[in-house]
Structure formats: structure tokens, C-alpha cells
């Protein structure tokens, strides 16, 4: 049913998929740390506050 070539291909594909998921998640974490480390501009700060207030209004209703 399964020959050695298809087993090797399946293992290689699974390892590459895991590696790709790990790579993407590490990039996302790094970008989030960079974004949080930067000070916000006045307009970005206002936008963040408005987003928080909108979410709190939605949560209360």
C-alpha cells in the first residue's frame, strides 16, 4: 500500500509544513514586539483609544 518513496515524501512534507508554521509565527511575534516597542503618534493613540471604546460599547450591549 505505502512504498518507501511515498512515506519519505509525506514525512518531508509534514516537516516542511511544521517549519513554515513555526517561521510565520516567529515573524508575527517579532513584528508584534516591534510594534509595541514603538511610541504611538497622537493620531495612532487616538485611533487605538477609539477602537478600545468601540469594543467596550459593543461588549456592554
PDB file of N, CA and C in Angstrom:
ATOM      1  N   UNK A   1       0.829  -1.184   0.000  1.00  0.00           N
ATOM      2  CA  UNK A   1       0.000   0.000   0.000  1.00  0.00           C
ATOM      3  C   UNK A   1       0.882   1.259   0.000  1.00  0.00           C
ATOM      4  N   UNK A   2       1.686   1.458   1.019  1.00  0.00           N
ATOM      5  CA  UNK A   2       2.599   2.596   1.081  1.00  0.00           C
ATOM      6  C   UNK A   2       4.001   2.107   0.736  1.00  0.00           C
ATOM      7  N   UNK A   3       4.606   2.726  -0.240  1.00  0.00           N
ATOM      8  CA  UNK A   3       6.001   2.377  -0.524  1.00  0.00           C
ATOM      9  C   UNK A   3       6.926   3.385   0.154  1.00  0.00           C
ATOM     10  N   UNK A   4       8.201   3.124   0.133  1.00  0.00           N
ATOM     11  CA  UNK A   4       9.145   3.962   0.876  1.00  0.00           C
ATOM     12  C   UNK A   4       9.218   5.381   0.321  1.00  0.00           C
ATOM     13  N   UNK A   5       9.012   5.545  -0.965  1.00  0.00           N
ATOM     14  CA  UNK A   5       9.072   6.885  -1.556  1.00  0.00           C
ATOM     15  C   UNK A   5       7.914   7.759  -1.063  1.00  0.00           C
ATOM     16  N   UNK A   6       6.719   7.195  -1.001  1.00  0.00           N
ATOM     17  CA  UNK A   6       5.577   7.990  -0.553  1.00  0.00           C
ATOM     18  C   UNK A   6       5.666   8.292   0.942  1.00  0.00           C
ATOM     19  N   UNK A   7       6.210   7.369   1.731  1.00  0.00           N
ATOM     20  CA  UNK A   7       6.400   7.629   3.155  1.00  0.00           C
ATOM     21  C   UNK A   7       7.420   8.749   3.349  1.00  0.00           C
ATOM     22  N   UNK A   8       8.515   8.704   2.602  1.00  0.00           N
ATOM     23  CA  UNK A   8       9.533   9.756   2.687  1.00  0.00           C
ATOM     24  C   UNK A   8       8.968  11.104   2.263  1.00  0.00           C
ATOM     25  N   UNK A   9       8.174  11.111   1.223  1.00  0.00           N
ATOM     26  CA  UNK A   9       7.556  12.349   0.756  1.00  0.00           C
ATOM     27  C   UNK A   9       6.594  12.913   1.797  1.00  0.00           C
ATOM     28  N   UNK A  10       5.802  12.057   2.408  1.00  0.00           N
ATOM     29  CA  UNK A  10       4.849  12.508   3.415  1.00  0.00           C
ATOM     30  C   UNK A  10       5.580  13.068   4.638  1.00  0.00           C
ATOM     31  N   UNK A  11       6.642  12.426   5.075  1.00  0.00           N
ATOM     32  CA  UNK A  11       7.405  12.911   6.228  1.00  0.00           C
ATOM     33  C   UNK A  11       8.065  14.249   5.905  1.00  0.00           C
ATOM     34  N   UNK A  12       8.636  14.357   4.720  1.00  0.00           N
ATOM     35  CA  UNK A  12       9.276  15.617   4.311  1.00  0.00           C
ATOM     36  C   UNK A  12       8.249  16.741   4.225  1.00  0.00           C
ATOM     37  N   UNK A  13       7.088  16.470   3.662  1.00  0.00           N
ATOM     38  CA  UNK A  13       6.041  17.486   3.551  1.00  0.00           C
ATOM     39  C   UNK A  13       5.565  17.924   4.929  1.00  0.00           C
ATOM     40  N   UNK A  14       5.416  16.979   5.856  1.00  0.00           N
ATOM     41  CA  UNK A  14       4.974  17.325   7.201  1.00  0.00           C
ATOM     42  C   UNK A  14       6.022  18.174   7.917  1.00  0.00           C
ATOM     43  N   UNK A  15       7.284  17.816   7.774  1.00  0.00           N
ATOM     44  CA  UNK A  15       8.342  18.601   8.413  1.00  0.00           C
ATOM     45  C   UNK A  15       8.422  20.012   7.836  1.00  0.00           C
ATOM     46  N   UNK A  16       8.274  20.139   6.531  1.00  0.00           N
ATOM     47  CA  UNK A  16       8.295  21.464   5.921  1.00  0.00           C
ATOM     48  C   UNK A  16       7.091  22.302   6.352  1.00  0.00           C
ATOM     49  N   UNK A  17       5.936  21.682   6.504  1.00  0.00           N
ATOM     50  CA  UNK A  17       4.753  22.402   6.959  1.00  0.00           C
ATOM     51  C   UNK A  17       4.946  22.905   8.387  1.00  0.00           C
ATOM     52  N   UNK A  18       5.504  22.067   9.247  1.00  0.00           N
ATOM     53  CA  UNK A  18       5.773  22.478  10.627  1.00  0.00           C
ATOM     54  C   UNK A  18       6.784  23.613  10.651  1.00  0.00           C
ATOM     55  N   UNK A  19       7.827  23.512   9.843  1.00  0.00           N
ATOM     56  CA  UNK A  19       8.834  24.558   9.773  1.00  0.00           C
ATOM     57  C   UNK A  19       8.231  25.879   9.283  1.00  0.00           C
ATOM     58  N   UNK A  20       7.360  25.811   8.303  1.00  0.00           N
ATOM     59  CA  UNK A  20       6.726  27.016   7.776  1.00  0.00           C
ATOM     60  C   UNK A  20       5.817  27.658   8.829  1.00  0.00           C
ATOM     61  N   UNK A  21       5.050  26.864   9.546  1.00  0.00           N
ATOM     62  CA  UNK A  21       4.185  27.395  10.600  1.00  0.00           C
ATOM     63  C   UNK A  21       5.019  28.045  11.696  1.00  0.00           C
ATOM     64  N   UNK A  22       6.127  27.403  12.091  1.00  0.00           N
ATOM     65  CA  UNK A  22       6.999  27.969  13.114  1.00  0.00           C
ATOM     66  C   UNK A  22       7.597  29.288  12.630  1.00  0.00           C
ATOM     67  N   UNK A  23       8.043  29.341  11.384  1.00  0.00           N
ATOM     68  CA  UNK A  23       8.667  30.541  10.837  1.00  0.00           C
ATOM     69  C   UNK A  23       7.679  31.707  10.801  1.00  0.00           C
ATOM     70  N   UNK A  24       6.477  31.464  10.336  1.00  0.00           N
ATOM     71  CA  UNK A  24       5.465  32.517  10.255  1.00  0.00           C
ATOM     72  C   UNK A  24       5.091  33.011  11.644  1.00  0.00           C
ATOM     73  N   UNK A  25       4.926  32.095  12.594  1.00  0.00           N
ATOM     74  CA  UNK A  25       4.558  32.529  13.952  1.00  0.00           C
ATOM     75  C   UNK A  25       5.683  33.322  14.604  1.00  0.00           C
ATOM     76  N   UNK A  26       6.932  32.955  14.370  1.00  0.00           N
ATOM     77  CA  UNK A  26       8.042  33.720  14.947  1.00  0.00           C
ATOM     78  C   UNK A  26       8.121  35.112  14.322  1.00  0.00           C
ATOM     79  N   UNK A  27       7.846  35.226  13.018  1.00  0.00           N
ATOM     80  CA  UNK A  27       7.824  36.547  12.388  1.00  0.00           C
ATOM     81  C   UNK A  27       6.703  37.415  12.944  1.00  0.00           C
ATOM     82  N   UNK A  28       5.542  36.812  13.166  1.00  0.00           N
ATOM     83  CA  UNK A  28       4.419  37.566  13.720  1.00  0.00           C
ATOM     84  C   UNK A  28       4.725  38.047  15.131  1.00  0.00           C
ATOM     85  N   UNK A  29       5.331  37.196  15.948  1.00  0.00           N
ATOM     86  CA  UNK A  29       5.698  37.604  17.309  1.00  0.00           C
ATOM     87  C   UNK A  29       6.726  38.724  17.290  1.00  0.00           C
ATOM     88  N   UNK A  30       7.716  38.613  16.402  1.00  0.00           N
ATOM     89  CA  UNK A  30       8.747  39.649  16.320  1.00  0.00           C
ATOM     90  C   UNK A  30       8.143  40.976  15.880  1.00  0.00           C
ATOM     91  N   UNK A  31       7.255  40.945  14.889  1.00  0.00           N
ATOM     92  CA  UNK A  31       6.615  42.178  14.429  1.00  0.00           C
ATOM     93  C   UNK A  31       5.737  42.794  15.506  1.00  0.00           C
ATOM     94  N   UNK A  32       5.074  41.958  16.282  1.00  0.00           N
ATOM     95  CA  UNK A  32       4.241  42.480  17.362  1.00  0.00           C
ATOM     96  C   UNK A  32       5.103  43.148  18.428  1.00  0.00           C
ATOM     97  N   UNK A  33       6.241  42.536  18.767  1.00  0.00           N
ATOM     98  CA  UNK A  33       7.137  43.156  19.749  1.00  0.00           C
ATOM     99  C   UNK A  33       7.666  44.484  19.236  1.00  0.00           C
ATOM    100  N   UNK A  34       8.006  44.549  17.956  1.00  0.00           N
ATOM    101  CA  UNK A  34       8.487  45.815  17.382  1.00  0.00           C
ATOM    102  C   UNK A  34       7.400  46.873  17.405  1.00  0.00           C
ATOM    103  N   UNK A  35       6.191  46.482  17.053  1.00  0.00           N
ATOM    104  CA  UNK A  35       5.091  47.446  17.001  1.00  0.00           C
ATOM    105  C   UNK A  35       4.770  47.968  18.391  1.00  0.00           C
ATOM    106  N   UNK A  36       4.841  47.100  19.406  1.00  0.00           N
ATOM    107  CA  UNK A  36       4.552  47.536  20.769  1.00  0.00           C
ATOM    108  C   UNK A  36       5.679  48.380  21.340  1.00  0.00           C
ATOM    109  N   UNK A  37       6.883  48.228  20.838  1.00  0.00           N
ATOM    110  CA  UNK A  37       8.021  48.976  21.363  1.00  0.00           C
ATOM    111  C   UNK A  37       8.048  50.407  20.843  1.00  0.00           C
ATOM    112  N   UNK A  38       7.407  50.662  19.719  1.00  0.00           N
ATOM    113  CA  UNK A  38       7.422  51.997  19.136  1.00  0.00           C
ATOM    114  C   UNK A  38       6.401  52.897  19.830  1.00  0.00           C
ATOM    115  N   UNK A  39       6.778  54.132  20.118  1.00  0.00           N
ATOM    116  CA  UNK A  39       5.790  55.060  20.686  1.00  0.00           C
ATOM    117  C   UNK A  39       4.741  55.412  19.630  1.00  0.00           C
ATOM    118  N   UNK A  40       3.530  55.612  20.085  1.00  0.00           N
ATOM    119  CA  UNK A  40       2.440  55.928  19.165  1.00  0.00           C
ATOM    120  C   UNK A  40       2.423  57.413  18.846  1.00  0.00           C
ATOM    121  N   UNK A  41       2.053  57.722  17.641  1.00  0.00           N
ATOM    122  CA  UNK A  41       1.817  59.120  17.298  1.00  0.00           C
ATOM    123  C   UNK A  41       0.486  59.533  17.919  1.00  0.00           C
ATOM    124  N   UNK A  42       0.212  60.812  17.919  1.00  0.00           N
ATOM    125  CA  UNK A  42      -1.034  61.315  18.518  1.00  0.00           C
ATOM    126  C   UNK A  42      -2.257  60.730  17.805  1.00  0.00           C
ATOM    127  N   UNK A  43      -2.201  60.681  16.486  1.00  0.00           N
ATOM    128  CA  UNK A  43      -3.362  60.155  15.755  1.00  0.00           C
ATOM    129  C   UNK A  43      -3.495  58.646  15.951  1.00  0.00           C
ATOM    130  N   UNK A  44      -2.368  57.918  16.028  1.00  0.00           N
ATOM    131  CA  UNK A  44      -2.434  56.475  16.268  1.00  0.00           C
ATOM    132  C   UNK A  44      -2.960  56.195  17.666  1.00  0.00           C
ATOM    133  N   UNK A  45      -2.554  57.011  18.631  1.00  0.00           N
ATOM    134  CA  UNK A  45      -3.051  56.854  20.001  1.00  0.00           C
ATOM    135  C   UNK A  45      -4.556  57.086  20.052  1.00  0.00           C
ATOM    136  N   UNK A  46      -5.022  58.128  19.366  1.00  0.00           N
ATOM    137  CA  UNK A  46      -6.457  58.422  19.317  1.00  0.00           C
ATOM    138  C   UNK A  46      -7.213  57.273  18.662  1.00  0.00           C
ATOM    139  N   UNK A  47      -6.667  56.732  17.586  1.00  0.00           N
ATOM    140  CA  UNK A  47      -7.311  55.606  16.907  1.00  0.00           C
ATOM    141  C   UNK A  47      -7.404  54.387  17.818  1.00  0.00           C
ATOM    142  N   UNK A  48      -6.328  54.113  18.574  1.00  0.00           N
ATOM    143  CA  UNK A  48      -6.345  52.979  19.498  1.00  0.00           C
ATOM    144  C   UNK A  48      -7.396  53.186  20.587  1.00  0.00           C
ATOM    145  N   UNK A  49      -7.476  54.398  21.132  1.00  0.00           N
ATOM    146  CA  UNK A  49      -8.496  54.675  22.149  1.00  0.00           C
ATOM    147  C   UNK A  49      -9.898  54.511  21.588  1.00  0.00           C
ATOM    148  N   UNK A  50     -10.128  55.015  20.397  1.00  0.00           N
ATOM    149  CA  UNK A  50     -11.454  54.875  19.788  1.00  0.00           C
ATOM    150  C   UNK A  50     -11.804  53.410  19.568  1.00  0.00           C
ATOM    151  N   UNK A  51     -10.828  52.617  19.160  1.00  0.00           N
ATOM    152  CA  UNK A  51     -11.070  51.189  18.962  1.00  0.00           C
ATOM    153  C   UNK A  51     -11.417  50.517  20.288  1.00  0.00           C
ATOM    154  N   UNK A  52     -10.703  50.871  21.353  1.00  0.00           N
ATOM    155  CA  UNK A  52     -10.996  50.296  22.668  1.00  0.00           C
ATOM    156  C   UNK A  52     -12.389  50.691  23.132  1.00  0.00           C
ATOM    157  N   UNK A  53     -12.751  51.976  22.953  1.00  0.00           N
ATOM    158  CA  UNK A  53     -14.082  52.422  23.361  1.00  0.00           C
ATOM    159  C   UNK A  53     -15.166  51.749  22.545  1.00  0.00           C
ATOM    160  N   UNK A  54     -14.941  51.575  21.244  1.00  0.00           N
ATOM    161  CA  UNK A  54     -15.935  50.884  20.409  1.00  0.00           C
ATOM    162  C   UNK A  54     -16.129  49.448  20.886  1.00  0.00           C
ATOM    163  N   UNK A  55     -15.030  48.772  21.220  1.00  0.00           N
ATOM    164  CA  UNK A  55     -15.127  47.397  21.702  1.00  0.00           C
ATOM    165  C   UNK A  55     -15.844  47.333  23.039  1.00  0.00           C
ATOM    166  N   UNK A  56     -15.569  48.300  23.917  1.00  0.00           N
ATOM    167  CA  UNK A  56     -16.226  48.269  25.225  1.00  0.00           C
ATOM    168  C   UNK A  56     -17.718  48.557  25.074  1.00  0.00           C
ATOM    169  N   UNK A  57     -18.096  49.416  24.125  1.00  0.00           N
ATOM    170  CA  UNK A  57     -19.526  49.680  23.902  1.00  0.00           C
ATOM    171  C   UNK A  57     -20.217  48.445  23.337  1.00  0.00           C
ATOM    172  N   UNK A  58     -19.543  47.720  22.479  1.00  0.00           N
ATOM    173  CA  UNK A  58     -20.120  46.504  21.914  1.00  0.00           C
ATOM    174  C   UNK A  58     -20.257  45.447  22.994  1.00  0.00           C
ATOM    175  N   UNK A  59     -19.273  45.331  23.881  1.00  0.00           N
ATOM    176  CA  UNK A  59     -19.306  44.331  24.949  1.00  0.00           C
ATOM    177  C   UNK A  59     -20.417  44.614  25.946  1.00  0.00           C
ATOM    178  N   UNK A  60     -20.729  45.895  26.181  1.00  0.00           N
ATOM    179  CA  UNK A  60     -21.763  46.245  27.159  1.00  0.00           C
ATOM    180  C   UNK A  60     -23.162  46.027  26.615  1.00  0.00           C
ATOM    181  N   UNK A  61     -23.346  46.066  25.279  1.00  0.00           N
ATOM    182  CA  UNK A  61     -24.691  45.897  24.746  1.00  0.00           C
ATOM    183  C   UNK A  61     -25.102  44.471  24.651  1.00  0.00           C
TER     184      UNK A  61
END
